[in-house]
Amino acid sequence: MRISTTKGPIFFLISFLILVLITKALFVSRDTSLSTAPATAPVRSLGTIRTFSRSLSDTVGEEKIPSNCDTVVACILCEDTTMAAADEPEPVSGARVRANQIVARDFRRQIDQVVVLLKSIVISSKYSPNAPKSSAAADTGSCTKVILVSDTREHFDSVMDVIYDDEAWSPDFLRHLRFVYWPVTYPPGTSWMKTMFRPCATLRLFLPDILPRSYKALIYLDTDIIFLRDIRELWKEFEEFTDETIAAMSPCLFHYGTRANKIPYYGISGLNAGIMLMNLTRMRETLWTKKIRVVTQMYERDIKLADQVRRNQRLRGLSAQFRFVLTLTCAWYGYLQDILNIYFHFFPEHLHEFSCVWNFRPWNCRRGSACEDVTNLSAMHGNALSFTSEGSEPWFYTIFQQYKQLQLNDEFSVSNHMRSIEKMLNEHKSSNCFRYPGLTQALFNRLQNLNNI
């Protein structure tokens, strides 16, 4: 094991080995149930939210309407107000580049992405061929509990404003979601990681600690995700866990297996951290947080060096527009993903790998056959501003814009939604994803499978 830090390398190595031994012992026996008992946090549901107002009275620690949804997801909303000039990409010129800079720094982008994510979850689950047919069934388990972890209550309220204040969603769609606000907190001994990279960049690592123990499992989601398939099908991946598995992620499929990478990583091509299934109970039992702290301390210098190498490799030969997007993305994302890859490199038995079709990204289009099972396209991950910056990947951007303007009211139909996407795609210029064999057809096939057609 290579250790490149001057902060007590022998101590960290010994601590890491001790944690490995303790982890093996802890897996002897435990309750592996994934049932999610009602949590002690405010939950918004149709019964109370119809009269939603800006002066919210719910407080953390109460659950006014217990819910027993069959899936639980968590997203993080954090605004970076501390970006230093030294951390920003070098100045670039051009109207489109300046527009991308504005988009990247505009927190409204995250709000829009969360709302589109929620729309996609509701559409793909409500109209799934396997969805319960009766409205009563939808109110008694066929829902998704959405935990929004945010640095301020105002950011949570902004999402609620879009959904409820504008009455853009009808009750028939609203009943498929329950909302929980949870404030950003870091567990004891990890405050130094809060500002290690960007604000909240490492927060998902500590969801097992900051959420109540009544939450036994959840799916962490980046905000820039669009589901094309029922999220309950992804939840079924928990059934593939072995007795030692604590999490599931999809393969990265590029970078980690190249000479540009300088750190340990999982498997053949590393992991992408945009979607992560987390068995919170097992994570707590296996000292997840302590091991993450040790891994981060041991490899902090290597991670920062690898991130800079990654930027240089990606930026070489690219336009100013892409240099800006990728530089900003790496600053937010590379560190966290590296930590997870290092951890699962040393604990591969703790990870279940699910298909890349649940985490299809623009880079998959540029890498040709990187994600071969595209006919089963299930979720799009618009990282590197692909959803909100037209020049990054027009195919992703166009689909996001249609979801953004979509109204989930009584007039909604999947067939009209699909026709609108088709029209917008036909009006757009070509790109790597437009040219990717079978990708657009896979998108339409997935939408056609929904039983509202």
Protein backbone atom coordinates (compact mmCIF):
# COMPACT_ATOMS: atom_id res chain seq x y z
CA MET A 1 0.00 0.00 0.00
CA ARG A 2 1.46 3.32 -1.04
CA ILE A 3 1.26 6.15 1.48
CA SER A 4 2.10 9.67 0.39
CA THR A 5 1.47 11.96 3.29
CA THR A 6 3.70 13.46 5.90
CA LYS A 7 1.07 13.40 8.63
CA GLY A 8 1.92 10.28 10.57
CA PRO A 9 2.02 7.67 7.77
CA ILE A 10 2.75 4.77 10.11
CA PHE A 11 -0.11 5.75 12.40
CA PHE A 12 -2.55 5.92 9.49
CA LEU A 13 -1.38 2.60 8.10
CA ILE A 14 -1.81 0.84 11.45
CA SER A 15 -5.22 2.46 11.95
CA PHE A 16 -6.32 1.39 8.51
CA LEU A 17 -5.29 -2.23 9.05
CA ILE A 18 -7.05 -2.33 12.42
CA LEU A 19 -10.23 -1.03 10.82
CA VAL A 20 -10.03 -3.78 8.19
CA LEU A 21 -9.86 -6.46 10.89
CA ILE A 22 -12.71 -4.92 12.87
CA THR A 23 -14.84 -4.70 9.74
CA LYS A 24 -14.43 -8.41 9.02
CA ALA A 25 -15.50 -9.22 12.57
CA LEU A 26 -18.55 -6.98 12.42
CA PHE A 27 -19.95 -8.85 9.42
CA VAL A 28 -20.48 -12.05 11.42
CA SER A 29 -24.11 -11.25 12.29
CA ARG A 30 -26.52 -8.37 11.88
CA ASP A 31 -29.99 -7.37 10.71
CA THR A 32 -29.87 -6.73 6.96
CA SER A 33 -33.47 -5.55 6.59
CA LEU A 34 -33.93 -2.51 4.37
CA SER A 35 -37.30 -1.47 5.72
CA THR A 36 -37.49 2.24 6.33
CA ALA A 37 -39.44 3.04 9.47
CA PRO A 38 -40.83 6.56 9.74
CA ALA A 39 -38.04 8.99 10.47
CA THR A 40 -38.15 11.82 12.96
CA ALA A 41 -38.10 14.56 10.34
CA PRO A 42 -40.75 16.76 8.76
CA VAL A 43 -42.41 15.05 5.80
CA ARG A 44 -44.45 16.94 3.22
CA SER A 45 -47.29 15.05 1.60
CA LEU A 46 -50.45 15.86 -0.31
CA GLY A 47 -52.54 16.09 2.86
CA THR A 48 -50.67 19.13 4.17
CA ILE A 49 -48.91 20.60 1.19
CA ARG A 50 -52.02 21.70 -0.65
CA THR A 51 -52.03 24.73 1.60
CA PHE A 52 -48.29 25.22 1.38
CA SER A 53 -47.04 28.74 2.09
CA ARG A 54 -43.68 30.43 2.29
CA SER A 55 -43.87 30.61 6.09
CA LEU A 56 -43.26 26.95 6.83
CA SER A 57 -43.95 25.77 10.37
CA ASP A 58 -42.39 22.29 10.21
CA THR A 59 -39.25 21.84 12.30
CA VAL A 60 -36.63 19.15 12.17
CA GLY A 61 -37.45 16.48 14.72
CA GLU A 62 -41.16 16.12 13.96
CA GLU A 63 -42.95 13.89 11.53
CA LYS A 64 -46.48 15.15 11.19
CA ILE A 65 -47.56 12.60 8.60
CA PRO A 66 -45.70 9.27 8.82
CA SER A 67 -45.03 7.73 5.43
CA ASN A 68 -43.89 4.30 4.42
CA CYS A 69 -42.69 4.84 0.86
CA ASP A 70 -41.17 1.92 -0.98
CA THR A 71 -38.12 3.94 -2.07
CA VAL A 72 -36.02 6.60 -0.36
CA VAL A 73 -33.65 8.98 -2.14
CA ALA A 74 -31.37 11.74 -0.91
CA CYS A 75 -30.06 14.83 -2.74
CA ILE A 76 -27.78 17.57 -1.51
CA LEU A 77 -28.41 21.26 -2.19
CA CYS A 78 -25.44 23.39 -1.25
CA GLU A 79 -24.50 26.83 -2.56
CA ASP A 80 -20.84 27.65 -3.00
CA THR A 81 -20.40 31.27 -1.94
CA THR A 82 -16.70 30.92 -1.17
CA MET A 83 -15.17 30.29 -4.60
CA ALA A 84 -11.82 32.01 -4.46
CA ALA A 85 -10.26 33.60 -7.48
CA ALA A 86 -7.37 31.14 -7.27
CA ASP A 87 -9.80 28.22 -7.61
CA GLU A 88 -11.57 29.56 -10.69
CA PRO A 89 -10.61 28.53 -14.22
CA GLU A 90 -8.40 30.89 -16.14
CA PRO A 91 -10.29 33.65 -17.95
CA VAL A 92 -11.72 32.67 -21.31
CA SER A 93 -13.48 34.66 -23.97
CA GLY A 94 -16.52 34.24 -26.15
CA ALA A 95 -20.23 34.81 -25.57
CA ARG A 96 -21.07 31.13 -25.11
CA VAL A 97 -18.20 30.59 -22.68
CA ARG A 98 -19.28 33.58 -20.61
CA ALA A 99 -22.81 32.20 -20.60
CA ASN A 100 -21.50 28.85 -19.33
CA GLN A 101 -19.63 30.62 -16.55
CA ILE A 102 -22.84 32.31 -15.45
CA VAL A 103 -24.75 29.01 -15.53
CA ALA A 104 -22.11 27.21 -13.50
CA ARG A 105 -22.15 29.79 -10.72
CA ASP A 106 -25.93 30.29 -10.69
CA PHE A 107 -27.45 28.27 -7.85
CA ARG A 108 -30.77 28.34 -9.66
CA ARG A 109 -29.28 25.67 -11.89
CA GLN A 110 -29.35 23.20 -9.00
CA ILE A 111 -32.97 24.07 -8.18
CA ASP A 112 -33.99 23.47 -11.80
CA GLN A 113 -32.12 20.17 -11.85
CA VAL A 114 -33.80 18.92 -8.67
CA VAL A 115 -37.26 19.76 -10.01
CA VAL A 116 -36.55 17.96 -13.30
CA LEU A 117 -35.18 14.98 -11.36
CA LEU A 118 -38.40 14.79 -9.35
CA LYS A 119 -40.52 15.05 -12.50
CA SER A 120 -38.64 12.16 -14.05
CA ILE A 121 -39.04 10.00 -10.94
CA VAL A 122 -42.79 10.60 -10.84
CA ILE A 123 -43.37 10.04 -14.57
CA SER A 124 -41.30 6.86 -14.77
CA SER A 125 -42.85 5.37 -11.63
CA LYS A 126 -46.47 6.53 -12.09
CA TYR A 127 -46.68 5.20 -15.64
CA SER A 128 -44.52 2.14 -15.14
CA PRO A 129 -46.17 -1.09 -16.35
CA ASN A 130 -45.55 -2.45 -12.85
CA ALA A 131 -47.05 0.54 -11.02
CA PRO A 132 -50.10 0.02 -8.75
CA LYS A 133 -53.25 0.91 -10.65
CA SER A 134 -55.41 2.28 -7.84
CA SER A 135 -55.00 5.67 -6.20
CA ALA A 136 -55.28 3.99 -2.81
CA ALA A 137 -52.22 1.89 -3.55
CA ALA A 138 -50.32 5.01 -4.53
CA ASP A 139 -51.05 6.51 -1.13
CA THR A 140 -49.95 3.47 0.86
CA GLY A 141 -46.40 2.76 -0.18
CA SER A 142 -46.09 3.46 -3.90
CA CYS A 143 -44.21 6.67 -3.37
CA THR A 144 -40.68 7.99 -3.13
CA LYS A 145 -39.49 9.75 -0.01
CA VAL A 146 -37.14 12.57 -1.04
CA ILE A 147 -34.64 13.78 1.55
CA LEU A 148 -33.26 17.19 0.54
CA VAL A 149 -30.15 17.91 2.59
CA SER A 150 -29.51 21.62 2.30
CA ASP A 151 -27.27 24.27 3.80
CA THR A 152 -30.26 26.60 4.24
CA ARG A 153 -34.00 26.11 4.63
CA GLU A 154 -34.51 28.69 1.89
CA HIS A 155 -33.01 26.37 -0.71
CA PHE A 156 -35.42 23.60 0.28
CA ASP A 157 -38.28 26.12 0.16
CA SER A 158 -37.22 27.14 -3.36
CA VAL A 159 -37.85 23.61 -4.60
CA MET A 160 -41.21 23.52 -2.82
CA ASP A 161 -42.13 26.88 -4.34
CA VAL A 162 -41.66 25.60 -7.87
CA ILE A 163 -43.71 22.47 -7.27
CA TYR A 164 -46.53 23.83 -5.11
CA ASP A 165 -46.80 27.61 -5.31
CA ASP A 166 -47.22 27.64 -9.07
CA GLU A 167 -49.70 24.75 -8.88
CA ALA A 168 -47.78 23.20 -11.75
CA TRP A 169 -48.32 19.69 -10.41
CA SER A 170 -51.75 18.13 -10.00
CA PRO A 171 -52.60 16.06 -6.87
CA ASP A 172 -52.46 12.89 -8.97
CA PHE A 173 -48.71 13.47 -9.41
CA LEU A 174 -47.98 14.99 -6.00
CA ARG A 175 -49.07 11.91 -4.08
CA HIS A 176 -46.11 9.98 -5.48
CA LEU A 177 -43.62 12.04 -3.47
CA ARG A 178 -42.97 12.79 0.22
CA PHE A 179 -40.47 15.50 1.13
CA VAL A 180 -38.07 15.75 4.05
CA TYR A 181 -35.85 18.72 4.81
CA TRP A 182 -32.58 17.95 6.58
CA PRO A 183 -29.92 20.55 7.44
CA VAL A 184 -26.29 20.15 6.48
CA THR A 185 -24.26 18.81 9.39
CA TYR A 186 -20.97 16.95 9.64
CA PRO A 187 -20.36 14.21 12.25
CA PRO A 188 -17.80 14.77 15.02
CA GLY A 189 -14.22 14.52 13.84
CA THR A 190 -14.98 15.31 10.20
CA SER A 191 -15.33 19.09 10.21
CA TRP A 192 -11.94 19.39 8.50
CA MET A 193 -13.43 17.60 5.48
CA LYS A 194 -16.26 20.13 5.18
CA THR A 195 -14.00 22.74 3.62
CA MET A 196 -11.43 20.32 2.23
CA PHE A 197 -12.63 20.80 -1.34
CA ARG A 198 -15.90 22.62 -1.99
CA PRO A 199 -18.73 23.14 0.51
CA CYS A 200 -20.72 19.91 0.94
CA ALA A 201 -18.61 18.07 -1.65
CA THR A 202 -17.93 15.25 0.84
CA LEU A 203 -21.30 15.35 2.62
CA ARG A 204 -22.76 12.25 0.97
CA LEU A 205 -20.04 10.20 2.66
CA PHE A 206 -21.62 10.97 6.01
CA LEU A 207 -25.31 10.35 5.33
CA PRO A 208 -25.20 7.24 7.59
CA ASP A 209 -24.20 9.52 10.48
CA ILE A 210 -26.30 12.61 9.95
CA LEU A 211 -29.60 10.83 9.22
CA PRO A 212 -31.60 9.04 11.96
CA ARG A 213 -31.02 5.32 12.38
CA SER A 214 -34.61 4.71 11.31
CA TYR A 215 -33.29 5.24 7.79
CA LYS A 216 -31.80 1.89 6.89
CA ALA A 217 -31.20 2.33 3.16
CA LEU A 218 -31.45 4.99 0.46
CA ILE A 219 -30.31 5.93 -3.01
CA TYR A 220 -28.07 8.98 -3.14
CA LEU A 221 -28.62 11.02 -6.32
CA ASP A 222 -26.73 13.91 -7.83
CA THR A 223 -29.21 16.59 -8.84
CA ASP A 224 -28.36 16.24 -12.54
CA ILE A 225 -30.18 12.94 -13.12
CA ILE A 226 -33.19 12.13 -15.33
CA PHE A 227 -34.87 8.75 -14.79
CA LEU A 228 -36.36 7.02 -17.81
CA ARG A 229 -37.23 3.85 -15.93
CA ASP A 230 -39.07 3.20 -12.66
CA ILE A 231 -36.74 3.99 -9.78
CA ARG A 232 -38.15 0.97 -7.94
CA GLU A 233 -36.30 -1.18 -10.47
CA LEU A 234 -33.05 0.41 -9.34
CA TRP A 235 -34.06 -0.14 -5.71
CA LYS A 236 -34.23 -3.87 -6.50
CA GLU A 237 -30.44 -3.80 -6.84
CA PHE A 238 -30.39 -3.98 -3.04
CA GLU A 239 -31.60 -7.57 -3.45
CA GLU A 240 -28.32 -8.38 -5.21
CA PHE A 241 -26.25 -7.39 -2.18
CA THR A 242 -24.25 -10.13 -0.49
CA ASP A 243 -23.86 -10.35 3.28
CA GLU A 244 -20.82 -8.06 3.00
CA THR A 245 -22.12 -5.46 0.55
CA ILE A 246 -22.73 -1.98 1.91
CA ALA A 247 -23.13 0.09 -1.29
CA ALA A 248 -23.65 -0.06 -5.06
CA MET A 249 -22.36 2.18 -7.84
CA SER A 250 -21.94 2.04 -11.61
CA PRO A 251 -18.62 1.81 -13.48
CA CYS A 252 -16.82 4.98 -14.51
CA LEU A 253 -15.62 3.39 -17.79
CA PHE A 254 -12.88 5.92 -18.41
CA HIS A 255 -9.98 7.79 -16.76
CA TYR A 256 -9.21 5.40 -13.90
CA GLY A 257 -7.84 2.70 -16.19
CA THR A 258 -5.57 5.14 -18.03
CA ARG A 259 -2.03 6.39 -17.42
CA ALA A 260 -3.48 9.73 -16.32
CA ASN A 261 -4.73 8.17 -13.10
CA LYS A 262 -2.35 8.06 -10.13
CA ILE A 263 -4.51 6.61 -7.35
CA PRO A 264 -5.95 3.17 -6.49
CA TYR A 265 -9.41 2.51 -7.90
CA TYR A 266 -12.10 -0.14 -7.92
CA GLY A 267 -12.28 -2.88 -10.54
CA ILE A 268 -11.33 -2.42 -14.17
CA SER A 269 -12.42 1.17 -14.82
CA GLY A 270 -13.24 2.69 -11.44
CA LEU A 271 -16.60 3.97 -10.18
CA ASN A 272 -18.81 6.98 -10.87
CA ALA A 273 -20.29 8.57 -7.75
CA GLY A 274 -23.39 10.23 -9.26
CA ILE A 275 -25.79 7.48 -8.12
CA MET A 276 -25.03 5.43 -5.04
CA LEU A 277 -27.18 2.81 -3.30
CA MET A 278 -26.35 2.92 0.41
CA ASN A 279 -27.20 0.31 3.04
CA LEU A 280 -26.96 2.79 5.91
CA THR A 281 -27.32 0.13 8.60
CA ARG A 282 -24.34 -1.84 7.37
CA MET A 283 -22.29 1.30 6.84
CA ARG A 284 -22.83 2.25 10.47
CA GLU A 285 -21.96 -1.23 11.67
CA THR A 286 -18.73 -1.45 9.67
CA LEU A 287 -17.20 1.83 10.88
CA TRP A 288 -17.62 3.41 7.46
CA THR A 289 -16.98 6.96 8.63
CA LYS A 290 -13.79 6.14 10.50
CA LYS A 291 -12.37 4.26 7.53
CA ILE A 292 -13.28 7.08 5.14
CA ARG A 293 -11.43 9.52 7.39
CA VAL A 294 -8.33 7.33 7.41
CA VAL A 295 -8.42 6.82 3.63
CA THR A 296 -8.78 10.54 3.02
CA GLN A 297 -5.94 11.43 5.37
CA MET A 298 -3.65 8.81 3.85
CA TYR A 299 -4.26 9.82 0.25
CA GLU A 300 -5.13 13.51 0.50
CA ARG A 301 -2.00 14.64 -1.31
CA ASP A 302 -2.31 11.98 -4.00
CA ILE A 303 -5.97 12.87 -4.58
CA LYS A 304 -5.18 16.53 -5.12
CA LEU A 305 -2.29 15.67 -7.44
CA ALA A 306 -4.45 13.20 -9.39
CA ASP A 307 -7.16 15.81 -9.76
CA GLN A 308 -4.73 18.28 -11.29
CA VAL A 309 -3.38 15.63 -13.68
CA ARG A 310 -6.94 14.74 -14.64
CA ARG A 311 -7.72 18.36 -15.44
CA ASN A 312 -4.59 18.74 -17.58
CA GLN A 313 -5.29 15.54 -19.53
CA ARG A 314 -8.92 16.45 -20.18
CA LEU A 315 -8.25 20.07 -21.08
CA ARG A 316 -5.58 19.27 -23.65
CA GLY A 317 -6.88 20.01 -27.13
CA LEU A 318 -10.34 21.13 -25.98
CA SER A 319 -12.03 24.45 -26.67
CA ALA A 320 -12.12 27.19 -24.07
CA GLN A 321 -15.76 26.38 -23.47
CA PHE A 322 -15.04 22.76 -22.54
CA ARG A 323 -11.94 23.72 -20.55
CA PHE A 324 -14.09 25.87 -18.31
CA VAL A 325 -16.81 23.24 -17.82
CA LEU A 326 -14.42 20.40 -17.05
CA THR A 327 -12.23 22.47 -14.74
CA LEU A 328 -15.21 23.50 -12.67
CA THR A 329 -16.61 19.96 -12.62
CA CYS A 330 -13.33 18.41 -11.47
CA ALA A 331 -13.06 20.94 -8.66
CA TRP A 332 -16.42 19.79 -7.30
CA TYR A 333 -16.44 16.14 -8.16
CA GLY A 334 -13.06 14.51 -8.68
CA TYR A 335 -11.96 14.51 -5.05
CA LEU A 336 -15.08 12.83 -3.72
CA GLN A 337 -15.12 10.17 -6.43
CA ASP A 338 -11.45 9.45 -5.83
CA ILE A 339 -12.08 8.85 -2.12
CA LEU A 340 -14.79 6.31 -2.92
CA ASN A 341 -12.61 4.56 -5.50
CA ILE A 342 -9.74 4.27 -3.04
CA TYR A 343 -12.02 2.90 -0.34
CA PHE A 344 -13.60 0.24 -2.55
CA HIS A 345 -10.20 -0.63 -4.00
CA PHE A 346 -9.25 -1.87 -0.53
CA PHE A 347 -12.74 -3.19 0.32
CA PRO A 348 -14.08 -4.57 -3.00
CA GLU A 349 -16.29 -7.06 -1.17
CA HIS A 350 -18.31 -4.11 0.16
CA LEU A 351 -19.46 -3.00 -3.30
CA HIS A 352 -22.09 -4.19 -5.77
CA GLU A 353 -21.66 -2.82 -9.29
CA PHE A 354 -24.81 -2.09 -11.29
CA SER A 355 -25.11 -1.38 -15.01
CA CYS A 356 -23.95 1.82 -16.67
CA VAL A 357 -27.43 2.18 -18.22
CA TRP A 358 -28.56 3.56 -14.85
CA ASN A 359 -25.86 6.24 -15.05
CA PHE A 360 -25.41 7.13 -18.71
CA ARG A 361 -23.21 10.24 -19.11
CA PRO A 362 -22.10 12.39 -22.05
CA TRP A 363 -18.61 10.92 -21.88
CA ASN A 364 -20.11 7.52 -22.69
CA CYS A 365 -21.06 8.94 -26.08
CA ARG A 366 -17.52 10.14 -26.69
CA ARG A 367 -16.10 6.76 -25.79
CA GLY A 368 -18.12 4.82 -28.33
CA SER A 369 -18.72 1.33 -26.95
CA ALA A 370 -18.04 2.26 -23.31
CA CYS A 371 -21.65 1.48 -22.30
CA GLU A 372 -22.70 -1.31 -24.63
CA ASP A 373 -26.17 -2.07 -23.24
CA VAL A 374 -27.62 1.26 -24.36
CA THR A 375 -30.82 -0.41 -25.58
CA ASN A 376 -31.80 -0.69 -21.92
CA LEU A 377 -31.20 3.00 -21.19
CA SER A 378 -32.61 3.71 -17.71
CA ALA A 379 -31.20 7.01 -16.39
CA MET A 380 -29.26 9.96 -17.81
CA HIS A 381 -26.58 11.71 -15.77
CA GLY A 382 -25.96 15.19 -17.18
CA ASN A 383 -22.68 15.89 -15.43
CA ALA A 384 -20.25 18.62 -16.53
CA LEU A 385 -23.20 21.03 -16.97
CA SER A 386 -24.57 18.93 -19.84
CA PHE A 387 -28.19 19.63 -18.84
CA THR A 388 -27.86 23.36 -18.44
CA SER A 389 -25.11 24.35 -20.89
CA GLU A 390 -26.09 23.91 -24.52
CA GLY A 391 -22.56 23.57 -25.83
CA SER A 392 -21.51 20.79 -23.47
CA GLU A 393 -23.72 18.08 -25.02
CA PRO A 394 -26.76 19.27 -27.03
CA TRP A 395 -28.54 15.89 -26.85
CA PHE A 396 -28.61 15.99 -23.03
CA TYR A 397 -29.37 19.71 -22.97
CA THR A 398 -32.36 19.36 -25.33
CA ILE A 399 -34.00 16.57 -23.31
CA PHE A 400 -33.49 18.47 -20.06
CA GLN A 401 -35.12 21.60 -21.50
CA GLN A 402 -38.23 19.63 -22.44
CA TYR A 403 -38.49 18.17 -18.93
CA LYS A 404 -37.93 21.62 -17.46
CA GLN A 405 -40.90 23.19 -19.29
CA LEU A 406 -43.11 20.16 -18.68
CA GLN A 407 -46.28 20.68 -16.62
CA LEU A 408 -47.45 17.69 -14.57
CA ASN A 409 -51.11 18.62 -14.64
CA ASP A 410 -54.25 16.81 -15.76
CA GLU A 411 -53.41 17.45 -19.41
CA PHE A 412 -50.09 15.64 -19.29
CA SER A 413 -49.55 12.59 -21.48
CA VAL A 414 -46.41 10.60 -22.16
CA SER A 415 -47.12 10.55 -25.89
CA ASN A 416 -47.22 14.37 -26.07
CA HIS A 417 -44.07 14.51 -23.95
CA MET A 418 -42.32 12.13 -26.33
CA ARG A 419 -43.43 14.07 -29.41
CA SER A 420 -42.11 17.30 -27.90
CA ILE A 421 -38.72 15.70 -27.26
CA GLU A 422 -38.62 14.31 -30.79
CA LYS A 423 -39.43 17.72 -32.28
CA MET A 424 -36.77 19.48 -30.22
CA LEU A 425 -34.15 16.87 -31.08
CA ASN A 426 -34.92 17.16 -34.80
CA GLU A 427 -34.36 20.92 -34.63
CA HIS A 428 -30.99 20.58 -32.91
CA LYS A 429 -27.55 20.16 -34.35
CA SER A 430 -25.54 16.97 -34.26
CA SER A 431 -23.22 15.90 -31.46
CA ASN A 432 -21.50 12.80 -30.13
CA CYS A 433 -24.69 11.59 -28.44
CA PHE A 434 -26.80 12.31 -31.54
CA ARG A 435 -24.39 10.07 -33.48
CA TYR A 436 -24.22 7.35 -30.81
CA PRO A 437 -25.75 4.23 -32.44
CA GLY A 438 -29.20 3.46 -31.10
CA LEU A 439 -29.19 6.00 -28.26
CA THR A 440 -32.09 8.20 -29.42
CA GLN A 441 -34.13 5.16 -30.35
CA ALA A 442 -33.44 3.68 -26.90
CA LEU A 443 -34.80 6.88 -25.35
CA PHE A 444 -38.04 6.68 -27.34
CA ASN A 445 -38.40 2.95 -26.71
CA ARG A 446 -38.16 3.58 -22.98
CA LEU A 447 -40.84 6.27 -23.12
CA GLN A 448 -43.07 4.10 -25.29
CA ASN A 449 -42.95 1.39 -22.65
CA LEU A 450 -44.78 3.64 -20.22
CA ASN A 451 -48.44 2.60 -20.05
CA ASN A 452 -49.83 6.10 -20.65
CA ILE A 453 -49.03 5.95 -24.38
